[in-house]
Structures are given as structure tokens and as C-alpha cells.
Amino acid sequence: MLVLSRKKNESIMIGDTIEIKIISIDGEQIRLGIEAPRNLEVYRKEIFDAIQEENRLATNGQADWSTIKQLLRTSEVPKDN
């Protein structure tokens, strides 16, 4: 992990297109400004983690549904002709 010290109104660059600027400092809380291309998604870490968890749960739900469908297919009773 790279650790940098910055003061109010100073910034860091990530690549050529992402700038993170210190907007204000109030005690132990800082406000950051992030300039990034619109096609780049930017989330707070706790929101990102929640999205990842929801995606994981949704994927598990799909797998369970697939399993149920498979069980239903294998347990079908053959029709008499």
C-alpha cells in the first residue's frame, strides 16, 4: 500500500485520468474530491462491499434455481404413449 501525506487543496493522480483532491479536513474526517472518467464506477468501500455481497448472493440463488430445475427434469415421470 502506498501511503501519502496531503494537505488541504493538494491532490494525487492515479494514471492520467483520475485525480483525488483533499477538499477539507475537519478533525479526523476529511472530504475527498474525485475526478474520474464517467465510465469509471467510483464507490465508497462499504458500498462496493455490499454490491459484491449482493452479486454473490444473486449468483448463489441462480445456481440453486438451476439445481431445482435439474431435479425437476430428472424426476419427471415418463408419459405413456
N, C-alpha and C. Protein backbone atom coordinates (compact mmCIF):
# COMPACT_ATOMS: atom_id res chain seq x y z
N MET A 1 0.86 -1.18 0.00
CA MET A 1 0.00 0.00 0.00
C MET A 1 0.90 1.23 0.00
N LEU A 2 0.60 2.15 -0.88
CA LEU A 2 1.31 3.42 -0.92
C LEU A 2 0.62 4.38 0.03
N VAL A 3 1.36 5.00 0.93
CA VAL A 3 0.81 5.95 1.88
C VAL A 3 1.41 7.32 1.58
N LEU A 4 0.55 8.30 1.36
CA LEU A 4 0.99 9.66 1.04
C LEU A 4 0.40 10.65 2.03
N SER A 5 1.13 11.72 2.29
CA SER A 5 0.61 12.82 3.10
C SER A 5 0.18 13.93 2.15
N ARG A 6 -0.98 14.48 2.39
CA ARG A 6 -1.51 15.58 1.57
C ARG A 6 -2.13 16.60 2.50
N LYS A 7 -2.11 17.86 2.10
CA LYS A 7 -2.77 18.93 2.83
C LYS A 7 -3.99 19.38 2.04
N LYS A 8 -4.81 20.21 2.68
CA LYS A 8 -5.99 20.73 2.02
C LYS A 8 -5.61 21.35 0.68
N ASN A 9 -6.42 21.08 -0.32
CA ASN A 9 -6.27 21.54 -1.71
C ASN A 9 -5.13 20.88 -2.46
N GLU A 10 -4.47 19.90 -1.88
CA GLU A 10 -3.48 19.13 -2.61
C GLU A 10 -4.15 17.87 -3.15
N SER A 11 -3.53 17.26 -4.15
CA SER A 11 -4.16 16.10 -4.76
C SER A 11 -3.12 15.07 -5.15
N ILE A 12 -3.60 13.90 -5.55
CA ILE A 12 -2.76 12.86 -6.11
C ILE A 12 -3.40 12.44 -7.43
N MET A 13 -2.59 11.90 -8.32
CA MET A 13 -3.08 11.41 -9.60
C MET A 13 -2.93 9.90 -9.64
N ILE A 14 -3.92 9.24 -10.19
CA ILE A 14 -3.86 7.81 -10.47
C ILE A 14 -3.97 7.67 -11.98
N GLY A 15 -2.89 7.26 -12.58
CA GLY A 15 -2.86 7.23 -14.04
C GLY A 15 -2.94 8.65 -14.59
N ASP A 16 -3.47 8.77 -15.80
CA ASP A 16 -3.59 10.07 -16.45
C ASP A 16 -4.94 10.73 -16.22
N THR A 17 -5.92 9.97 -15.72
CA THR A 17 -7.29 10.48 -15.74
C THR A 17 -7.98 10.57 -14.39
N ILE A 18 -7.38 10.09 -13.33
CA ILE A 18 -8.05 10.10 -12.02
C ILE A 18 -7.27 11.01 -11.08
N GLU A 19 -7.98 12.01 -10.55
CA GLU A 19 -7.39 12.92 -9.58
C GLU A 19 -8.19 12.84 -8.29
N ILE A 20 -7.49 12.67 -7.18
CA ILE A 20 -8.12 12.66 -5.86
C ILE A 20 -7.58 13.87 -5.11
N LYS A 21 -8.49 14.75 -4.71
CA LYS A 21 -8.10 16.01 -4.09
C LYS A 21 -8.67 16.10 -2.68
N ILE A 22 -7.86 16.62 -1.75
CA ILE A 22 -8.33 16.87 -0.38
C ILE A 22 -9.13 18.17 -0.41
N ILE A 23 -10.42 18.08 -0.15
CA ILE A 23 -11.31 19.24 -0.19
C ILE A 23 -11.32 19.96 1.15
N SER A 24 -11.46 19.20 2.23
CA SER A 24 -11.47 19.81 3.56
C SER A 24 -11.04 18.80 4.60
N ILE A 25 -10.61 19.32 5.74
CA ILE A 25 -10.20 18.50 6.87
C ILE A 25 -10.92 19.05 8.09
N ASP A 26 -11.66 18.18 8.77
CA ASP A 26 -12.41 18.60 9.96
C ASP A 26 -12.18 17.56 11.05
N GLY A 27 -11.20 17.81 11.90
CA GLY A 27 -10.86 16.83 12.95
C GLY A 27 -10.30 15.58 12.30
N GLU A 28 -10.95 14.44 12.55
CA GLU A 28 -10.49 13.17 11.99
C GLU A 28 -11.19 12.83 10.68
N GLN A 29 -12.01 13.72 10.18
CA GLN A 29 -12.75 13.47 8.94
C GLN A 29 -12.20 14.35 7.83
N ILE A 30 -12.00 13.75 6.67
CA ILE A 30 -11.59 14.53 5.51
C ILE A 30 -12.64 14.37 4.42
N ARG A 31 -12.73 15.36 3.55
CA ARG A 31 -13.60 15.27 2.37
C ARG A 31 -12.71 15.19 1.15
N LEU A 32 -12.99 14.21 0.32
CA LEU A 32 -12.22 13.99 -0.89
C LEU A 32 -13.05 14.38 -2.10
N GLY A 33 -12.38 14.94 -3.08
CA GLY A 33 -12.99 15.15 -4.38
C GLY A 33 -12.33 14.20 -5.36
N ILE A 34 -13.12 13.54 -6.18
CA ILE A 34 -12.57 12.57 -7.13
C ILE A 34 -13.01 12.97 -8.52
N GLU A 35 -12.04 13.23 -9.38
CA GLU A 35 -12.31 13.47 -10.79
C GLU A 35 -11.86 12.24 -11.55
N ALA A 36 -12.81 11.61 -12.24
CA ALA A 36 -12.53 10.39 -12.99
C ALA A 36 -13.44 10.36 -14.21
N PRO A 37 -13.06 9.59 -15.22
CA PRO A 37 -13.94 9.45 -16.38
C PRO A 37 -15.30 8.91 -15.97
N ARG A 38 -16.34 9.36 -16.68
CA ARG A 38 -17.70 8.94 -16.34
C ARG A 38 -17.92 7.44 -16.45
N ASN A 39 -17.16 6.79 -17.32
CA ASN A 39 -17.36 5.34 -17.50
C ASN A 39 -16.71 4.52 -16.38
N LEU A 40 -16.03 5.18 -15.46
CA LEU A 40 -15.39 4.51 -14.34
C LEU A 40 -16.30 4.63 -13.11
N GLU A 41 -16.65 3.49 -12.53
CA GLU A 41 -17.50 3.50 -11.35
C GLU A 41 -16.66 3.78 -10.11
N VAL A 42 -17.13 4.70 -9.27
CA VAL A 42 -16.42 5.06 -8.04
C VAL A 42 -17.40 4.88 -6.88
N TYR A 43 -17.03 4.04 -5.91
CA TYR A 43 -17.89 3.76 -4.76
C TYR A 43 -17.10 3.92 -3.47
N ARG A 44 -17.80 4.25 -2.39
CA ARG A 44 -17.20 4.10 -1.06
C ARG A 44 -16.99 2.61 -0.83
N LYS A 45 -15.98 2.26 -0.06
CA LYS A 45 -15.62 0.85 0.14
C LYS A 45 -16.79 0.04 0.70
N GLU A 46 -17.53 0.59 1.67
CA GLU A 46 -18.62 -0.18 2.26
C GLU A 46 -19.75 -0.42 1.27
N ILE A 47 -19.97 0.52 0.35
CA ILE A 47 -20.98 0.33 -0.69
C ILE A 47 -20.51 -0.72 -1.68
N PHE A 48 -19.24 -0.63 -2.09
CA PHE A 48 -18.66 -1.61 -3.00
C PHE A 48 -18.78 -3.02 -2.42
N ASP A 49 -18.45 -3.18 -1.14
CA ASP A 49 -18.54 -4.49 -0.48
C ASP A 49 -19.99 -5.00 -0.47
N ALA A 50 -20.94 -4.10 -0.23
CA ALA A 50 -22.36 -4.50 -0.21
C ALA A 50 -22.81 -4.95 -1.60
N ILE A 51 -22.37 -4.25 -2.63
CA ILE A 51 -22.71 -4.64 -4.01
C ILE A 51 -22.13 -6.01 -4.33
N GLN A 52 -20.88 -6.23 -3.95
CA GLN A 52 -20.24 -7.52 -4.19
C GLN A 52 -20.98 -8.64 -3.48
N GLU A 53 -21.41 -8.40 -2.25
CA GLU A 53 -22.15 -9.42 -1.49
C GLU A 53 -23.50 -9.71 -2.14
N GLU A 54 -24.20 -8.66 -2.57
CA GLU A 54 -25.48 -8.87 -3.25
C GLU A 54 -25.29 -9.66 -4.54
N ASN A 55 -24.24 -9.35 -5.29
CA ASN A 55 -23.96 -10.10 -6.51
C ASN A 55 -23.66 -11.56 -6.20
N ARG A 56 -22.90 -11.79 -5.13
CA ARG A 56 -22.59 -13.16 -4.74
C ARG A 56 -23.85 -13.92 -4.37
N LEU A 57 -24.73 -13.27 -3.60
CA LEU A 57 -25.98 -13.92 -3.20
C LEU A 57 -26.89 -14.18 -4.39
N ALA A 58 -26.94 -13.25 -5.32
CA ALA A 58 -27.75 -13.43 -6.52
C ALA A 58 -27.23 -14.59 -7.36
N THR A 59 -25.93 -14.71 -7.46
CA THR A 59 -25.32 -15.81 -8.20
C THR A 59 -25.63 -17.13 -7.54
N ASN A 60 -25.55 -17.18 -6.21
CA ASN A 60 -25.89 -18.41 -5.49
C ASN A 60 -27.35 -18.77 -5.70
N GLY A 61 -28.22 -17.77 -5.72
CA GLY A 61 -29.64 -18.02 -5.94
C GLY A 61 -29.89 -18.61 -7.31
N GLN A 62 -29.17 -18.13 -8.31
CA GLN A 62 -29.32 -18.67 -9.66
C GLN A 62 -28.85 -20.11 -9.71
N ALA A 63 -27.76 -20.39 -9.03
CA ALA A 63 -27.26 -21.77 -9.01
C ALA A 63 -28.28 -22.69 -8.34
N ASP A 64 -28.91 -22.23 -7.27
CA ASP A 64 -29.92 -23.03 -6.59
C ASP A 64 -31.11 -23.28 -7.50
N TRP A 65 -31.53 -22.25 -8.25
CA TRP A 65 -32.66 -22.40 -9.17
C TRP A 65 -32.31 -23.42 -10.25
N SER A 66 -31.09 -23.36 -10.75
CA SER A 66 -30.64 -24.33 -11.75
C SER A 66 -30.68 -25.74 -11.19
N THR A 67 -30.29 -25.89 -9.96
CA THR A 67 -30.32 -27.20 -9.31
C THR A 67 -31.75 -27.71 -9.20
N ILE A 68 -32.66 -26.84 -8.83
CA ILE A 68 -34.08 -27.23 -8.71
C ILE A 68 -34.62 -27.66 -10.06
N LYS A 69 -34.32 -26.89 -11.10
CA LYS A 69 -34.79 -27.24 -12.45
C LYS A 69 -34.23 -28.60 -12.87
N GLN A 70 -32.96 -28.83 -12.57
CA GLN A 70 -32.33 -30.11 -12.91
C GLN A 70 -33.03 -31.26 -12.18
N LEU A 71 -33.32 -31.06 -10.90
CA LEU A 71 -34.01 -32.10 -10.13
C LEU A 71 -35.40 -32.37 -10.69
N LEU A 72 -36.11 -31.31 -11.09
CA LEU A 72 -37.44 -31.49 -11.66
C LEU A 72 -37.38 -32.27 -12.97
N ARG A 73 -36.39 -32.00 -13.77
CA ARG A 73 -36.26 -32.72 -15.05
C ARG A 73 -35.97 -34.20 -14.82
N THR A 74 -35.11 -34.50 -13.90
CA THR A 74 -34.73 -35.90 -13.67
C THR A 74 -35.83 -36.68 -12.96
N SER A 75 -36.74 -35.98 -12.28
CA SER A 75 -37.79 -36.70 -11.57
C SER A 75 -39.09 -36.75 -12.34
N GLU A 76 -39.11 -36.27 -13.60
CA GLU A 76 -40.33 -36.33 -14.40
C GLU A 76 -40.69 -37.78 -14.68
N VAL A 77 -41.97 -38.04 -14.59
CA VAL A 77 -42.47 -39.38 -14.87
C VAL A 77 -42.71 -39.48 -16.37
N PRO A 78 -42.17 -40.54 -17.03
CA PRO A 78 -42.38 -40.68 -18.48
C PRO A 78 -43.87 -40.84 -18.79
N LYS A 79 -44.28 -40.23 -19.88
CA LYS A 79 -45.68 -40.32 -20.29
C LYS A 79 -45.91 -41.63 -21.04
N ASP A 80 -47.10 -42.22 -20.81
CA ASP A 80 -47.47 -43.42 -21.56
C ASP A 80 -47.95 -43.00 -22.94
N ASN A 81 -47.47 -43.71 -23.96
CA ASN A 81 -47.90 -43.40 -25.33
C ASN A 81 -49.01 -44.29 -25.76
